[in-house]
Amino acid sequence: MTYLAGAWNADNVQDLDYVTDPAGRQEMDSMATLMVNLQLKNCVANPGGDDTCYFTHDIAQSTSSTTYPNPMNYPPGEAVFTVAPASTSGWYLTRVVHCG
């Protein structure tokens, strides 16, 4: 997932496609203007075989009043993603749980 953060920060579309599935990528892209300097914090294994990964990020200045749901009360500047094992090697971001 450090690969994902590096690709995101470099705006490297090819590398992002390598570690995201289409739905997860679309969810990430919807937050692109606000989520900058993405850094992996840690990942926790889930019973179903996927992981929940926690990232920190800076929040870009915005004139938009857009907010994202935050039912788990994650702190500002934290992104939470579900990642699943790839069919060969590595992991794919499959779902954005929260980004704030």
N, C-alpha and C. Protein backbone atom coordinates (compact mmCIF):
# COMPACT_ATOMS: atom_id res chain seq x y z
N MET A 1 0.81 -1.19 0.00
CA MET A 1 0.00 0.00 0.00
C MET A 1 0.85 1.26 0.00
N THR A 2 2.13 1.13 0.35
CA THR A 2 3.02 2.28 0.17
C THR A 2 3.16 2.59 -1.31
N TYR A 3 3.08 1.56 -2.14
CA TYR A 3 3.10 1.72 -3.60
C TYR A 3 1.89 2.56 -4.03
N LEU A 4 0.72 2.28 -3.48
CA LEU A 4 -0.49 3.04 -3.80
C LEU A 4 -0.29 4.50 -3.41
N ALA A 5 0.21 4.76 -2.21
CA ALA A 5 0.41 6.13 -1.76
C ALA A 5 1.40 6.87 -2.66
N GLY A 6 2.49 6.20 -3.01
CA GLY A 6 3.48 6.83 -3.89
C GLY A 6 2.91 7.14 -5.26
N ALA A 7 2.13 6.22 -5.80
CA ALA A 7 1.52 6.44 -7.12
C ALA A 7 0.51 7.59 -7.05
N TRP A 8 -0.27 7.64 -5.97
CA TRP A 8 -1.25 8.72 -5.80
C TRP A 8 -0.55 10.07 -5.73
N ASN A 9 0.50 10.16 -4.91
CA ASN A 9 1.20 11.42 -4.73
C ASN A 9 1.91 11.88 -6.00
N ALA A 10 2.33 10.93 -6.83
CA ALA A 10 3.00 11.26 -8.09
C ALA A 10 2.01 11.45 -9.24
N ASP A 11 0.72 11.24 -8.97
CA ASP A 11 -0.32 11.31 -9.99
C ASP A 11 0.01 10.38 -11.16
N ASN A 12 0.47 9.17 -10.81
CA ASN A 12 0.88 8.18 -11.80
C ASN A 12 -0.30 7.25 -12.09
N VAL A 13 -1.02 7.55 -13.15
CA VAL A 13 -2.23 6.82 -13.50
C VAL A 13 -1.96 5.34 -13.75
N GLN A 14 -0.90 5.04 -14.44
CA GLN A 14 -0.59 3.63 -14.75
C GLN A 14 -0.35 2.82 -13.47
N ASP A 15 0.44 3.36 -12.56
CA ASP A 15 0.70 2.65 -11.30
C ASP A 15 -0.55 2.55 -10.44
N LEU A 16 -1.40 3.59 -10.43
CA LEU A 16 -2.65 3.52 -9.68
C LEU A 16 -3.56 2.43 -10.22
N ASP A 17 -3.62 2.31 -11.54
CA ASP A 17 -4.45 1.26 -12.14
C ASP A 17 -3.95 -0.13 -11.76
N TYR A 18 -2.66 -0.24 -11.50
CA TYR A 18 -2.06 -1.52 -11.13
C TYR A 18 -2.49 -2.00 -9.75
N VAL A 19 -2.88 -1.07 -8.86
CA VAL A 19 -3.19 -1.44 -7.47
C VAL A 19 -4.60 -1.06 -7.02
N THR A 20 -5.47 -0.74 -7.96
CA THR A 20 -6.86 -0.44 -7.62
C THR A 20 -7.78 -1.20 -8.56
N ASP A 21 -8.95 -1.57 -8.07
CA ASP A 21 -9.95 -2.08 -9.00
C ASP A 21 -10.76 -0.86 -9.48
N PRO A 22 -11.55 -1.02 -10.55
CA PRO A 22 -12.24 0.15 -11.12
C PRO A 22 -13.12 0.91 -10.13
N ALA A 23 -13.85 0.21 -9.28
CA ALA A 23 -14.73 0.90 -8.33
C ALA A 23 -13.92 1.67 -7.29
N GLY A 24 -12.89 1.04 -6.75
CA GLY A 24 -12.04 1.71 -5.76
C GLY A 24 -11.34 2.92 -6.35
N ARG A 25 -10.88 2.79 -7.59
CA ARG A 25 -10.20 3.89 -8.26
C ARG A 25 -11.16 5.06 -8.47
N GLN A 26 -12.37 4.76 -8.88
CA GLN A 26 -13.36 5.82 -9.10
C GLN A 26 -13.65 6.56 -7.78
N GLU A 27 -13.75 5.81 -6.69
CA GLU A 27 -13.98 6.45 -5.39
C GLU A 27 -12.80 7.34 -5.00
N MET A 28 -11.57 6.86 -5.22
CA MET A 28 -10.40 7.69 -4.93
C MET A 28 -10.39 8.95 -5.78
N ASP A 29 -10.65 8.78 -7.06
CA ASP A 29 -10.62 9.93 -7.97
C ASP A 29 -11.61 11.01 -7.56
N SER A 30 -12.73 10.61 -6.96
CA SER A 30 -13.73 11.61 -6.56
C SER A 30 -13.22 12.52 -5.44
N MET A 31 -12.14 12.11 -4.78
CA MET A 31 -11.58 12.91 -3.69
C MET A 31 -10.24 13.54 -4.05
N ALA A 32 -9.85 13.44 -5.31
CA ALA A 32 -8.51 13.83 -5.74
C ALA A 32 -8.16 15.28 -5.42
N THR A 33 -9.10 16.17 -5.51
CA THR A 33 -8.77 17.58 -5.30
C THR A 33 -8.53 17.92 -3.83
N LEU A 34 -8.99 17.09 -2.92
CA LEU A 34 -8.83 17.38 -1.49
C LEU A 34 -7.78 16.53 -0.80
N MET A 35 -7.53 15.32 -1.28
CA MET A 35 -6.65 14.37 -0.59
C MET A 35 -5.25 14.44 -1.20
N VAL A 36 -4.34 15.12 -0.51
CA VAL A 36 -2.96 15.25 -1.01
C VAL A 36 -1.99 14.70 0.02
N ASN A 37 -0.82 14.31 -0.46
CA ASN A 37 0.25 13.77 0.39
C ASN A 37 -0.24 12.55 1.18
N LEU A 38 -0.73 11.56 0.48
CA LEU A 38 -1.24 10.32 1.08
C LEU A 38 -0.08 9.50 1.64
N GLN A 39 -0.20 9.07 2.90
CA GLN A 39 0.85 8.28 3.56
C GLN A 39 0.21 7.09 4.28
N LEU A 40 0.76 5.89 4.03
CA LEU A 40 0.27 4.70 4.71
C LEU A 40 0.59 4.77 6.20
N LYS A 41 -0.40 4.50 7.03
CA LYS A 41 -0.21 4.44 8.48
C LYS A 41 -0.07 2.98 8.90
N ASN A 42 -1.10 2.16 8.62
CA ASN A 42 -1.03 0.73 8.92
C ASN A 42 -2.21 0.01 8.27
N CYS A 43 -2.12 -1.31 8.24
CA CYS A 43 -3.19 -2.16 7.73
C CYS A 43 -3.52 -3.21 8.78
N VAL A 44 -4.79 -3.59 8.84
CA VAL A 44 -5.26 -4.59 9.79
C VAL A 44 -5.99 -5.67 9.01
N ALA A 45 -5.64 -6.92 9.23
CA ALA A 45 -6.28 -8.04 8.55
C ALA A 45 -7.71 -8.21 9.05
N ASN A 46 -8.62 -8.46 8.12
CA ASN A 46 -10.02 -8.73 8.43
C ASN A 46 -10.28 -10.23 8.33
N PRO A 47 -11.27 -10.75 9.06
CA PRO A 47 -11.55 -12.19 9.04
C PRO A 47 -11.85 -12.74 7.64
N GLY A 48 -12.40 -11.94 6.75
CA GLY A 48 -12.78 -12.42 5.41
C GLY A 48 -11.64 -12.52 4.43
N GLY A 49 -10.42 -12.14 4.83
CA GLY A 49 -9.26 -12.27 3.95
C GLY A 49 -8.81 -10.96 3.33
N ASP A 50 -9.60 -9.90 3.46
CA ASP A 50 -9.14 -8.61 2.98
C ASP A 50 -8.55 -7.83 4.17
N ASP A 51 -8.06 -6.63 3.93
CA ASP A 51 -7.48 -5.80 4.98
C ASP A 51 -8.15 -4.44 4.99
N THR A 52 -8.11 -3.78 6.12
CA THR A 52 -8.49 -2.39 6.22
C THR A 52 -7.19 -1.62 6.41
N CYS A 53 -6.93 -0.66 5.53
CA CYS A 53 -5.70 0.12 5.60
C CYS A 53 -6.02 1.57 5.94
N TYR A 54 -5.21 2.12 6.82
CA TYR A 54 -5.38 3.49 7.30
C TYR A 54 -4.25 4.35 6.75
N PHE A 55 -4.63 5.48 6.20
CA PHE A 55 -3.68 6.43 5.62
C PHE A 55 -3.91 7.80 6.25
N THR A 56 -2.88 8.61 6.27
CA THR A 56 -3.04 10.01 6.61
C THR A 56 -2.85 10.81 5.33
N HIS A 57 -3.39 12.01 5.32
CA HIS A 57 -3.21 12.89 4.17
C HIS A 57 -3.44 14.33 4.59
N ASP A 58 -2.87 15.22 3.79
CA ASP A 58 -3.15 16.64 3.97
C ASP A 58 -4.47 16.94 3.29
N ILE A 59 -5.11 18.00 3.71
CA ILE A 59 -6.38 18.39 3.12
C ILE A 59 -6.16 19.69 2.36
N ALA A 60 -6.35 19.64 1.05
CA ALA A 60 -6.15 20.81 0.21
C ALA A 60 -7.22 21.85 0.49
N GLN A 61 -6.87 23.11 0.31
CA GLN A 61 -7.83 24.19 0.44
C GLN A 61 -8.94 23.99 -0.58
N SER A 62 -10.16 24.29 -0.20
CA SER A 62 -11.29 24.12 -1.11
C SER A 62 -12.35 25.18 -0.81
N THR A 63 -13.04 25.58 -1.85
CA THR A 63 -14.17 26.48 -1.67
C THR A 63 -15.47 25.68 -1.62
N SER A 64 -15.37 24.38 -1.83
CA SER A 64 -16.55 23.51 -1.82
C SER A 64 -16.96 23.18 -0.39
N SER A 65 -18.25 23.06 -0.18
CA SER A 65 -18.74 22.65 1.14
C SER A 65 -18.98 21.15 1.19
N THR A 66 -18.43 20.41 0.23
CA THR A 66 -18.64 18.97 0.17
C THR A 66 -18.07 18.30 1.41
N THR A 67 -18.85 17.43 1.99
CA THR A 67 -18.37 16.62 3.10
C THR A 67 -18.70 15.16 2.80
N TYR A 68 -17.96 14.27 3.40
CA TYR A 68 -18.18 12.84 3.20
C TYR A 68 -18.77 12.26 4.49
N PRO A 69 -19.62 11.26 4.38
CA PRO A 69 -20.18 10.65 5.59
C PRO A 69 -19.06 10.13 6.49
N ASN A 70 -19.25 10.27 7.78
CA ASN A 70 -18.23 9.83 8.74
C ASN A 70 -18.89 9.17 9.95
N PRO A 71 -19.62 8.06 9.73
CA PRO A 71 -20.32 7.43 10.85
C PRO A 71 -19.39 6.82 11.90
N MET A 72 -18.14 6.55 11.55
CA MET A 72 -17.20 5.95 12.50
C MET A 72 -16.36 7.01 13.22
N ASN A 73 -16.60 8.28 12.92
CA ASN A 73 -15.89 9.39 13.56
C ASN A 73 -14.37 9.32 13.39
N TYR A 74 -13.92 9.04 12.16
CA TYR A 74 -12.48 9.06 11.88
C TYR A 74 -11.99 10.50 11.98
N PRO A 75 -10.72 10.70 12.36
CA PRO A 75 -10.20 12.06 12.47
C PRO A 75 -10.00 12.70 11.10
N PRO A 76 -10.04 14.05 11.02
CA PRO A 76 -9.75 14.72 9.76
C PRO A 76 -8.35 14.35 9.28
N GLY A 77 -8.18 14.25 7.98
CA GLY A 77 -6.88 13.90 7.44
C GLY A 77 -6.58 12.42 7.47
N GLU A 78 -7.61 11.60 7.64
CA GLU A 78 -7.41 10.15 7.61
C GLU A 78 -8.27 9.56 6.50
N ALA A 79 -7.70 8.63 5.76
CA ALA A 79 -8.43 7.88 4.74
C ALA A 79 -8.39 6.42 5.14
N VAL A 80 -9.49 5.73 4.94
CA VAL A 80 -9.59 4.31 5.30
C VAL A 80 -10.07 3.56 4.08
N PHE A 81 -9.30 2.58 3.65
CA PHE A 81 -9.60 1.81 2.45
C PHE A 81 -9.66 0.32 2.76
N THR A 82 -10.53 -0.39 2.05
CA THR A 82 -10.51 -1.84 2.08
C THR A 82 -9.64 -2.29 0.91
N VAL A 83 -8.70 -3.19 1.19
CA VAL A 83 -7.84 -3.74 0.14
C VAL A 83 -7.96 -5.26 0.16
N ALA A 84 -7.87 -5.84 -1.01
CA ALA A 84 -8.02 -7.29 -1.14
C ALA A 84 -6.84 -7.86 -1.91
N PRO A 85 -6.51 -9.12 -1.66
CA PRO A 85 -5.40 -9.74 -2.39
C PRO A 85 -5.68 -9.79 -3.89
N ALA A 86 -4.65 -9.52 -4.67
CA ALA A 86 -4.76 -9.62 -6.12
C ALA A 86 -4.72 -11.09 -6.52
N SER A 87 -5.15 -11.39 -7.72
CA SER A 87 -5.18 -12.78 -8.18
C SER A 87 -3.78 -13.35 -8.37
N THR A 88 -2.79 -12.50 -8.61
CA THR A 88 -1.41 -12.99 -8.74
C THR A 88 -0.64 -12.63 -7.48
N SER A 89 -0.07 -11.45 -7.44
CA SER A 89 0.62 -11.01 -6.22
C SER A 89 0.23 -9.57 -5.93
N GLY A 90 0.35 -9.19 -4.68
CA GLY A 90 0.02 -7.82 -4.29
C GLY A 90 -1.41 -7.66 -3.83
N TRP A 91 -1.85 -6.41 -3.77
CA TRP A 91 -3.16 -6.06 -3.23
C TRP A 91 -3.83 -5.03 -4.12
N TYR A 92 -5.16 -5.01 -4.09
CA TYR A 92 -5.96 -4.01 -4.81
C TYR A 92 -6.79 -3.23 -3.82
N LEU A 93 -6.83 -1.90 -4.00
CA LEU A 93 -7.79 -1.10 -3.26
C LEU A 93 -9.16 -1.38 -3.87
N THR A 94 -10.10 -1.84 -3.07
CA THR A 94 -11.40 -2.21 -3.59
C THR A 94 -12.51 -1.27 -3.15
N ARG A 95 -12.29 -0.55 -2.03
CA ARG A 95 -13.38 0.31 -1.53
C ARG A 95 -12.81 1.39 -0.62
N VAL A 96 -13.32 2.60 -0.80
CA VAL A 96 -13.00 3.68 0.13
C VAL A 96 -14.03 3.63 1.25
N VAL A 97 -13.58 3.37 2.46
CA VAL A 97 -14.47 3.34 3.62
C VAL A 97 -14.75 4.75 4.09
N HIS A 98 -13.71 5.57 4.14
CA HIS A 98 -13.85 6.95 4.59
C HIS A 98 -12.66 7.76 4.11
N CYS A 99 -12.90 9.02 3.84
CA CYS A 99 -11.83 9.97 3.57
C CYS A 99 -12.29 11.30 4.13
N GLY A 100 -11.54 11.84 5.03
CA GLY A 100 -11.95 13.11 5.64
C GLY A 100 -10.81 14.01 5.94
